[in-house]
């Protein structure tokens, strides 16, 4: 039986990795994504996002909590779980008297989880680690040579392909480890053009290919008191990671409008420069309270050591950051035969002090979330469609900085089905 389970697991892994060829990189439009590794993904999953992203002390057999790998221990011994999400982001970016609106639809994540042995559970999936995306234009006037136009464009980011394993140590206690392969490419272009003649314009095309290993360990302890009451404790630690990076840089001088035809001269080209991306450590802890299967209340706190960040030996305008989140989930009657009584309602809030520090101002972020889950009896009683509505703010208008107001809609589909069942002969 174990041999068959392992074969089925690796088959599922191959199918998942094969689907990566159809996986599209997340897209955003935010000038703050130009700092560090970009905007770091803080999503827990499509269900827990409705609770403000709280996740460290939560275990559930019907969805995949990849923020704490110890949570995989909750998977049912006879079932597998598939979890996928996508989102639509609508944002307004303001700076001074300028306002820009943007809307983007993007894939979220894809993951599966399943049992291997009595005390061993596993999960594999792909999750965005960070995202870069901005398109900025600016014109400056020089009294001597006239107007100078500047444009900055970037896209890309880092993806996280993880394989996680959890082990039940004793009643209520589980530990887990996510071994992640980080990979992706960040593209940046800078263009400077002069209104006056007799000046050569410049075009700089810079790209970074990144790949390496990142580890995240977790522990959870759940204990019951009285009847139907449970307290959960969770801790997660991500190691300091040295990730390989390769830079490809090209600098062109040209006349007129830039294109491959009008390029005047390639003054520099290098596709062999190698270096390291230093991703600092982080640690987080959480607490949860559960009553029967009806009510969950949870809170998380995370610290990130971003002051130690380095890329090709250089730091950035980053500081250490704290993120706090609080959330709740309520199901009127999980055992009812009525559809509306088995619907799930979620509420959450989160705040981050922000890892970016510009002009003595931290770029903090605040968001509130509402979520609702609909059970799908077409598959079984534990599959569901979940919707999350999030409104948030990032940044400030003080010191001529940029503030982003955003609205995010997330669609999540969770499938829980039988994985293996021993045949009985009457």
Protein backbone atom coordinates (compact mmCIF):
# COMPACT_ATOMS: atom_id res chain seq x y z
CA UNK A 1 0.00 0.00 0.00
CA UNK A 2 2.85 2.42 0.84
CA UNK A 3 4.50 1.67 -2.52
CA UNK A 4 1.28 2.50 -4.35
CA UNK A 5 0.84 5.74 -2.41
CA UNK A 6 4.38 6.86 -3.20
CA UNK A 7 3.94 6.08 -6.90
CA UNK A 8 0.67 8.03 -6.96
CA UNK A 9 2.34 10.96 -5.21
CA UNK A 10 5.16 11.21 -7.72
CA UNK A 11 2.66 10.96 -10.56
CA UNK A 12 0.76 13.88 -9.08
CA UNK A 13 4.02 15.81 -8.71
CA UNK A 14 4.92 15.25 -12.36
CA UNK A 15 1.50 16.46 -13.48
CA UNK A 16 1.81 19.57 -11.34
CA UNK A 17 5.31 20.44 -12.54
CA UNK A 18 4.19 19.83 -16.12
CA UNK A 19 1.49 22.44 -15.65
CA UNK A 20 4.18 25.07 -14.94
CA UNK A 21 4.66 25.60 -18.65
CA UNK A 22 1.19 27.18 -18.67
CA UNK A 23 1.79 29.19 -15.51
CA UNK A 24 1.99 32.95 -16.08
CA UNK A 25 4.06 35.31 -13.96
CA UNK A 26 2.04 37.57 -11.69
CA UNK A 27 1.80 41.17 -12.88
CA UNK A 28 1.49 44.39 -10.93
CA UNK A 29 1.93 48.11 -11.41
CA UNK A 30 3.59 49.65 -8.36
CA UNK A 31 6.71 51.88 -8.29
CA UNK A 32 7.67 50.48 -4.87
CA UNK A 33 8.25 47.09 -6.49
CA UNK A 34 11.56 48.45 -7.77
CA UNK A 35 13.14 48.04 -4.32
CA UNK A 36 14.64 44.82 -2.99
CA UNK A 37 13.30 41.69 -4.66
CA UNK A 38 10.02 43.46 -5.48
CA UNK A 39 6.77 43.30 -3.57
CA UNK A 40 7.02 40.20 -1.40
CA UNK A 41 4.04 37.87 -1.55
CA UNK A 42 2.21 37.74 1.79
CA UNK A 43 -0.69 35.50 0.74
CA UNK A 44 -1.41 32.43 2.85
CA UNK A 45 -4.01 30.82 0.62
CA UNK A 46 -7.35 31.75 -0.87
CA UNK A 47 -9.21 30.72 2.28
CA UNK A 48 -6.92 32.16 4.96
CA UNK A 49 -6.53 35.43 3.02
CA UNK A 50 -10.14 36.11 3.99
CA UNK A 51 -8.94 35.99 7.61
CA UNK A 52 -6.28 38.64 7.06
CA UNK A 53 -3.67 36.04 6.11
CA UNK A 54 -3.48 34.45 9.57
CA UNK A 55 -2.04 30.97 9.16
CA UNK A 56 0.76 29.99 11.55
CA UNK A 57 -1.43 28.22 14.15
CA UNK A 58 -4.17 26.88 11.85
CA UNK A 59 -4.52 23.25 10.71
CA UNK A 60 -7.27 21.99 8.44
CA UNK A 61 -7.58 18.76 6.41
CA UNK A 62 -9.55 20.44 3.61
CA UNK A 63 -7.15 23.13 2.33
CA UNK A 64 -3.39 23.66 2.03
CA UNK A 65 -1.76 26.07 4.47
CA UNK A 66 1.70 26.41 2.88
CA UNK A 67 2.70 29.28 5.20
CA UNK A 68 3.34 26.71 7.96
CA UNK A 69 4.45 23.32 6.60
CA UNK A 70 3.62 21.63 9.93
CA UNK A 71 -0.07 22.14 9.05
CA UNK A 72 0.12 19.41 6.36
CA UNK A 73 -0.13 16.88 9.20
CA UNK A 74 -3.90 17.54 9.24
CA UNK A 75 -4.47 15.97 5.79
CA UNK A 76 -6.87 13.03 5.88
CA UNK A 77 -5.23 9.60 5.57
CA UNK A 78 -7.51 8.58 2.67
CA UNK A 79 -7.83 11.83 0.72
CA UNK A 80 -5.87 14.32 -1.35
CA UNK A 81 -6.39 18.09 -1.54
CA UNK A 82 -5.95 20.36 -4.58
CA UNK A 83 -5.90 24.12 -4.07
CA UNK A 84 -5.70 26.89 -6.70
CA UNK A 85 -6.38 30.63 -6.82
CA UNK A 86 -6.42 33.63 -9.14
CA UNK A 87 -6.97 37.33 -8.48
CA UNK A 88 -8.02 40.65 -9.98
CA UNK A 89 -6.27 43.79 -8.71
CA UNK A 90 -7.70 47.28 -9.20
CA UNK A 91 -5.53 50.12 -7.90
CA UNK A 92 -5.21 53.89 -7.85
CA UNK A 93 -1.72 55.36 -7.54
CA UNK A 94 -1.39 58.99 -6.46
CA UNK A 95 1.64 61.28 -6.30
CA UNK A 96 1.17 65.01 -5.87
CA UNK A 97 -1.49 66.06 -8.39
CA UNK A 98 -1.02 62.97 -10.54
CA UNK A 99 -3.35 59.97 -10.35
CA UNK A 100 -3.15 56.74 -12.34
CA UNK A 101 -5.61 53.84 -12.40
CA UNK A 102 -4.69 50.27 -13.15
CA UNK A 103 -6.39 46.86 -13.21
CA UNK A 104 -4.70 43.49 -13.71
CA UNK A 105 -5.89 39.87 -13.60
CA UNK A 106 -3.25 37.34 -12.56
CA UNK A 107 -2.89 33.70 -11.52
CA UNK A 108 -2.26 33.10 -7.85
CA UNK A 109 -0.92 29.69 -6.84
CA UNK A 110 -1.40 25.98 -7.47
CA UNK A 111 -0.81 23.25 -4.86
CA UNK A 112 -1.70 19.68 -3.93
CA UNK A 113 -1.47 17.85 -0.60
CA UNK A 114 -1.80 14.17 0.27
CA UNK A 115 -0.89 11.45 2.77
CA UNK A 116 2.15 9.18 2.40
CA UNK A 117 2.16 7.12 5.61
CA UNK A 118 0.28 7.19 8.89
CA UNK A 119 2.48 9.94 10.32
CA UNK A 120 3.80 11.56 7.13
CA UNK A 121 1.98 14.08 4.93
CA UNK A 122 3.34 15.97 1.94
CA UNK A 123 2.51 18.89 -0.35
CA UNK A 124 3.91 20.34 -3.57
CA UNK A 125 3.01 23.57 -5.32
CA UNK A 126 4.03 26.81 -6.97
CA UNK A 127 3.51 30.18 -5.26
CA UNK A 128 4.71 33.68 -6.23
CA UNK A 129 7.55 34.79 -3.94
CA UNK A 130 7.84 38.38 -5.18
CA UNK A 131 6.65 40.52 -8.08
CA UNK A 132 8.15 43.50 -9.93
CA UNK A 133 6.20 45.80 -12.21
CA UNK A 134 6.20 49.52 -12.97
CA UNK A 135 6.12 51.93 -15.92
CA UNK A 136 7.25 55.47 -15.06
CA UNK A 137 7.80 58.49 -17.30
CA UNK A 138 9.22 61.84 -16.26
CA UNK A 139 10.35 65.00 -18.04
CA UNK A 140 12.96 67.40 -16.63
CA UNK A 141 13.87 70.79 -18.09
CA UNK A 142 17.48 71.91 -18.40
CA UNK A 143 17.92 75.64 -19.23
CA UNK A 144 20.89 74.85 -21.47
CA UNK A 145 19.76 71.84 -23.52
CA UNK A 146 15.97 71.86 -23.10
CA UNK A 147 13.70 69.00 -22.06
CA UNK A 148 15.03 65.58 -21.12
CA UNK A 149 12.63 62.63 -21.10
CA UNK A 150 13.19 59.71 -18.75
CA UNK A 151 11.33 56.42 -18.77
CA UNK A 152 11.67 53.42 -16.44
CA UNK A 153 10.04 50.07 -17.04
CA UNK A 154 10.27 46.76 -15.18
CA UNK A 155 8.46 43.44 -15.01
CA UNK A 156 9.02 39.91 -13.72
CA UNK A 157 9.64 38.52 -10.28
CA UNK A 158 10.51 35.35 -8.40
CA UNK A 159 8.44 32.18 -8.23
CA UNK A 160 8.60 29.57 -5.48
CA UNK A 161 8.28 25.87 -6.34
CA UNK A 162 8.06 24.08 -3.00
CA UNK A 163 7.98 20.53 -1.72
CA UNK A 164 6.81 20.35 1.86
CA UNK A 165 6.65 17.49 4.35
CA UNK A 166 5.02 17.27 7.77
CA UNK A 167 5.34 14.64 10.49
CA UNK A 168 3.11 13.92 13.47
CA UNK A 169 5.41 13.65 16.50
CA UNK A 170 2.78 12.93 19.14
CA UNK A 171 -0.79 13.88 19.92
CA UNK A 172 -1.29 17.51 18.92
CA UNK A 173 2.36 18.12 17.94
CA UNK A 174 3.60 18.27 14.33
CA UNK A 175 6.67 19.62 12.55
CA UNK A 176 7.24 20.41 8.87
CA UNK A 177 9.71 21.69 6.31
CA UNK A 178 9.24 23.40 2.94
CA UNK A 179 12.22 23.03 0.59
CA UNK A 180 11.69 25.65 -2.11
CA UNK A 181 13.36 26.29 -5.45
CA UNK A 182 13.25 30.03 -6.17
CA UNK A 183 13.47 30.98 -9.82
CA UNK A 184 12.56 33.87 -12.09
CA UNK A 185 13.78 36.80 -14.15
CA UNK A 186 13.50 40.52 -13.46
CA UNK A 187 13.63 42.82 -16.51
CA UNK A 188 14.49 46.53 -16.22
CA UNK A 189 14.88 49.19 -18.90
CA UNK A 190 15.91 52.84 -18.58
CA UNK A 191 15.63 55.28 -21.47
CA UNK A 192 16.96 58.85 -21.61
CA UNK A 193 16.17 61.03 -24.63
CA UNK A 194 17.04 64.67 -25.34
CA UNK A 195 14.88 67.22 -27.10
CA UNK A 196 17.92 69.07 -28.38
CA UNK A 197 19.94 67.86 -31.37
CA UNK A 198 23.59 66.78 -31.26
CA UNK A 199 22.94 64.60 -28.22
CA UNK A 200 22.88 60.84 -28.31
CA UNK A 201 20.06 59.25 -26.39
CA UNK A 202 20.69 56.19 -24.21
CA UNK A 203 18.84 52.95 -23.70
CA UNK A 204 19.83 50.52 -20.91
CA UNK A 205 18.42 46.99 -20.88
CA UNK A 206 19.18 45.10 -17.67
CA UNK A 207 17.88 41.66 -16.69
CA UNK A 208 18.58 39.35 -13.77
CA UNK A 209 18.00 35.60 -13.78
CA UNK A 210 17.64 34.18 -10.28
CA UNK A 211 17.57 30.60 -8.97
CA UNK A 212 18.40 28.90 -5.69
CA UNK A 213 17.14 27.00 -2.65
CA UNK A 214 15.17 28.44 0.27
CA UNK A 215 14.05 26.57 3.41
CA UNK A 216 11.14 27.21 5.76
CA UNK A 217 10.51 25.16 8.89
CA UNK A 218 7.41 25.13 11.07
CA UNK A 219 5.99 23.63 14.23
CA UNK A 220 2.42 23.48 15.53
CA UNK A 221 0.91 22.31 18.79
CA UNK A 222 -2.85 21.93 19.24
CA UNK A 223 -4.47 21.06 22.55
CA UNK A 224 -8.09 20.77 23.63
CA UNK A 225 -9.58 22.00 26.88
CA UNK A 226 -13.06 21.49 28.28
CA UNK A 227 -15.32 20.18 25.50
CA UNK A 228 -15.14 21.33 21.86
CA UNK A 229 -12.55 24.05 22.63
CA UNK A 230 -9.05 24.03 21.13
CA UNK A 231 -6.00 26.29 21.32
CA UNK A 232 -3.35 26.25 18.59
CA UNK A 233 0.22 27.52 18.71
CA UNK A 234 2.48 27.86 15.68
CA UNK A 235 6.00 29.07 14.87
CA UNK A 236 7.63 29.41 11.44
CA UNK A 237 11.27 30.20 10.60
CA UNK A 238 12.75 30.92 7.15
CA UNK A 239 16.50 30.67 6.82
CA UNK A 240 18.94 33.22 5.46
CA UNK A 241 19.33 32.22 1.81
CA UNK A 242 22.09 32.90 -0.69
CA UNK A 243 20.48 32.71 -4.14
CA UNK A 244 22.45 32.57 -7.40
CA UNK A 245 21.94 35.45 -9.84
CA UNK A 246 23.13 36.23 -13.35
CA UNK A 247 22.98 39.70 -14.90
CA UNK A 248 22.66 40.51 -18.60
CA UNK A 249 23.33 44.18 -19.33
CA UNK A 250 23.24 46.08 -22.62
CA UNK A 251 23.78 49.84 -23.09
CA UNK A 252 22.94 51.52 -26.40
CA UNK A 253 23.43 55.05 -27.73
CA UNK A 254 21.07 56.06 -30.52
CA UNK A 255 19.56 58.93 -32.49
CA UNK A 256 15.85 59.56 -32.93
CA UNK A 257 13.35 57.04 -31.56
CA UNK A 258 14.85 53.87 -30.16
CA UNK A 259 14.41 50.64 -32.11
CA UNK A 260 16.60 47.84 -33.36
CA UNK A 261 16.97 49.70 -36.67
CA UNK A 262 17.89 53.14 -35.37
CA UNK A 263 20.40 51.99 -32.77
CA UNK A 264 23.56 54.04 -33.28
CA UNK A 265 26.03 52.10 -31.20
CA UNK A 266 26.13 49.35 -28.59
CA UNK A 267 28.68 50.65 -26.13
CA UNK A 268 28.46 47.85 -23.57
CA UNK A 269 27.21 44.28 -23.51
CA UNK A 270 27.75 41.64 -20.82
CA UNK A 271 25.79 38.44 -20.23
CA UNK A 272 28.29 36.71 -17.93
CA UNK A 273 28.19 38.74 -14.73
CA UNK A 274 27.32 36.53 -11.76
CA UNK A 275 26.53 37.34 -8.18
CA UNK A 276 24.32 36.48 -5.21
CA UNK A 277 20.95 37.53 -3.92
CA UNK A 278 20.96 37.55 -0.11
CA UNK A 279 17.45 36.98 1.29
CA UNK A 280 17.46 37.59 5.06
CA UNK A 281 15.85 35.42 7.69
CA UNK A 282 12.33 35.82 9.05
CA UNK A 283 10.43 34.38 11.99
CA UNK A 284 6.74 34.36 12.80
CA UNK A 285 4.38 33.09 15.46
CA UNK A 286 0.65 32.64 15.77
CA UNK A 287 -2.17 31.74 18.12
CA UNK A 288 -5.58 30.30 17.28
CA UNK A 289 -8.80 29.40 19.11
CA UNK A 290 -11.31 26.93 17.67
CA UNK A 291 -14.80 26.07 18.89
CA UNK A 292 -16.10 22.80 17.38
CA UNK A 293 -15.86 23.25 13.61
CA UNK A 294 -17.92 26.44 13.76
CA UNK A 295 -15.59 29.23 14.90
CA UNK A 296 -11.90 30.03 14.43
CA UNK A 297 -10.16 33.15 15.75
CA UNK A 298 -6.45 33.60 14.94
CA UNK A 299 -3.64 36.15 15.18
CA UNK A 300 -0.11 36.21 13.67
CA UNK A 301 3.03 38.31 14.04
CA UNK A 302 6.03 38.17 11.64
CA UNK A 303 9.47 39.80 11.76
CA UNK A 304 11.69 40.14 8.65
CA UNK A 305 15.37 41.07 8.82
CA UNK A 306 15.39 43.13 5.59
CA UNK A 307 18.24 45.38 6.77
CA UNK A 308 20.58 42.51 5.85
CA UNK A 309 19.34 42.31 2.26
CA UNK A 310 22.02 42.39 -0.47
CA UNK A 311 22.00 41.98 -4.24
CA UNK A 312 25.34 41.70 -6.07
CA UNK A 313 26.99 42.96 -2.88
CA UNK A 314 24.82 46.06 -2.51
CA UNK A 315 21.99 46.85 -0.11
CA UNK A 316 18.85 48.89 -0.76
CA UNK A 317 16.51 51.34 0.97
CA UNK A 318 15.17 48.61 3.25
CA UNK A 319 14.51 48.23 6.97
CA UNK A 320 13.45 45.44 9.30
CA UNK A 321 9.68 45.02 9.24
CA UNK A 322 6.83 43.66 11.34
CA UNK A 323 3.56 42.28 9.99
CA UNK A 324 0.53 41.64 12.20
CA UNK A 325 -2.74 40.01 11.18
CA UNK A 326 -6.02 39.09 12.89
CA UNK A 327 -8.90 37.07 11.51
CA UNK A 328 -11.97 34.97 12.21
CA UNK A 329 -14.05 32.32 10.45
CA UNK A 330 -17.63 31.25 11.21
CA UNK A 331 -19.82 28.42 9.87
CA UNK A 332 -23.44 28.47 11.15
CA UNK A 333 -23.85 24.67 11.12
CA UNK A 334 -21.14 22.50 9.48
CA UNK A 335 -23.29 19.33 9.75
CA UNK A 336 -26.49 20.81 8.33
CA UNK A 337 -28.06 19.58 5.10
CA UNK A 338 -28.97 23.15 4.20
CA UNK A 339 -26.60 24.92 1.83
CA UNK A 340 -26.66 28.36 3.47
CA UNK A 341 -25.99 26.98 6.95
CA UNK A 342 -22.81 25.34 5.65
CA UNK A 343 -21.51 28.52 4.02
CA UNK A 344 -18.34 29.96 5.56
CA UNK A 345 -17.93 33.62 6.51
CA UNK A 346 -14.53 35.22 7.13
CA UNK A 347 -13.24 38.57 8.33
CA UNK A 348 -9.69 39.84 8.78
CA UNK A 349 -7.27 42.76 8.99
CA UNK A 350 -3.52 43.09 8.55
CA UNK A 351 -0.82 45.72 8.98
CA UNK A 352 2.81 45.81 7.85
CA UNK A 353 5.32 48.40 8.98
CA UNK A 354 6.90 47.97 5.54
CA UNK A 355 10.41 46.96 4.56
CA UNK A 356 10.96 50.02 2.31
CA UNK A 357 12.29 53.23 3.90
CA UNK A 358 12.35 56.34 1.65
CA UNK A 359 13.01 59.95 2.62
CA UNK A 360 12.82 58.95 6.31
CA UNK A 361 9.30 57.56 5.81
CA UNK A 362 8.45 53.83 6.03
CA UNK A 363 6.22 52.53 3.22
CA UNK A 364 3.69 50.79 5.41
CA UNK A 365 0.57 48.88 4.34
CA UNK A 366 -2.86 48.23 5.84
CA UNK A 367 -5.67 46.02 4.56
CA UNK A 368 -9.08 44.69 5.57
CA UNK A 369 -10.56 41.47 4.16
CA UNK A 370 -13.96 39.84 3.77
CA UNK A 371 -14.37 36.25 2.63
CA UNK A 372 -17.16 33.81 1.91
CA UNK A 373 -17.00 30.10 1.08
CA UNK A 374 -19.55 28.02 -0.81
CA UNK A 375 -19.58 24.20 -0.31
CA UNK A 376 -19.57 22.08 -3.47
CA UNK A 377 -21.62 18.93 -3.02
CA UNK A 378 -20.91 17.99 -6.66
CA UNK A 379 -17.53 16.64 -5.52
CA UNK A 380 -18.00 16.04 -1.80
CA UNK A 381 -18.95 18.01 1.28
CA UNK A 382 -15.42 19.35 1.84
CA UNK A 383 -14.73 20.87 -1.57
CA UNK A 384 -15.50 24.57 -1.92
CA UNK A 385 -15.33 27.79 -3.89
CA UNK A 386 -14.06 30.75 -1.86
CA UNK A 387 -14.18 34.47 -2.62
CA UNK A 388 -12.08 37.12 -0.88
CA UNK A 389 -12.53 40.89 -1.10
CA UNK A 390 -9.61 42.98 0.17
CA UNK A 391 -9.20 46.74 0.39
CA UNK A 392 -5.89 48.28 1.35
CA UNK A 393 -3.50 51.21 1.30
CA UNK A 394 0.25 51.28 0.76
CA UNK A 395 2.64 54.21 1.04
CA UNK A 396 2.11 57.90 1.76
CA UNK A 397 1.88 61.28 0.01
CA UNK A 398 4.24 62.88 2.56
CA UNK A 399 7.64 64.05 1.21
CA UNK A 400 6.39 63.72 -2.39
CA UNK A 401 6.10 59.95 -2.14
CA UNK A 402 3.50 57.66 -3.72
CA UNK A 403 0.35 56.21 -2.19
CA UNK A 404 -1.52 53.25 -3.63
CA UNK A 405 -5.12 52.40 -2.80
CA UNK A 406 -6.05 48.94 -4.02
CA UNK A 407 -8.98 46.57 -4.22
CA UNK A 408 -8.21 42.88 -4.67
CA UNK A 409 -10.67 40.15 -5.54
CA UNK A 410 -9.43 36.55 -5.12
CA UNK A 411 -11.13 33.42 -6.41
CA UNK A 412 -10.12 30.12 -4.80
CA UNK A 413 -11.10 26.56 -5.64
CA UNK A 414 -10.37 23.74 -3.17
CA UNK A 415 -10.97 20.11 -4.07
CA UNK A 416 -10.80 17.31 -1.50
CA UNK A 417 -11.31 13.76 -2.81
CA UNK A 418 -10.53 10.16 -1.89
CA UNK A 419 -6.88 9.24 -2.53
CA UNK A 420 -6.83 5.62 -1.50
CA UNK A 421 -9.35 3.26 0.05
CA UNK A 422 -8.81 -0.39 0.92
CA UNK A 423 -11.25 -2.74 -0.80
CA UNK A 424 -13.48 -4.88 1.42
CA UNK A 425 -14.66 -8.35 0.41
CA UNK A 426 -17.90 -9.51 1.97
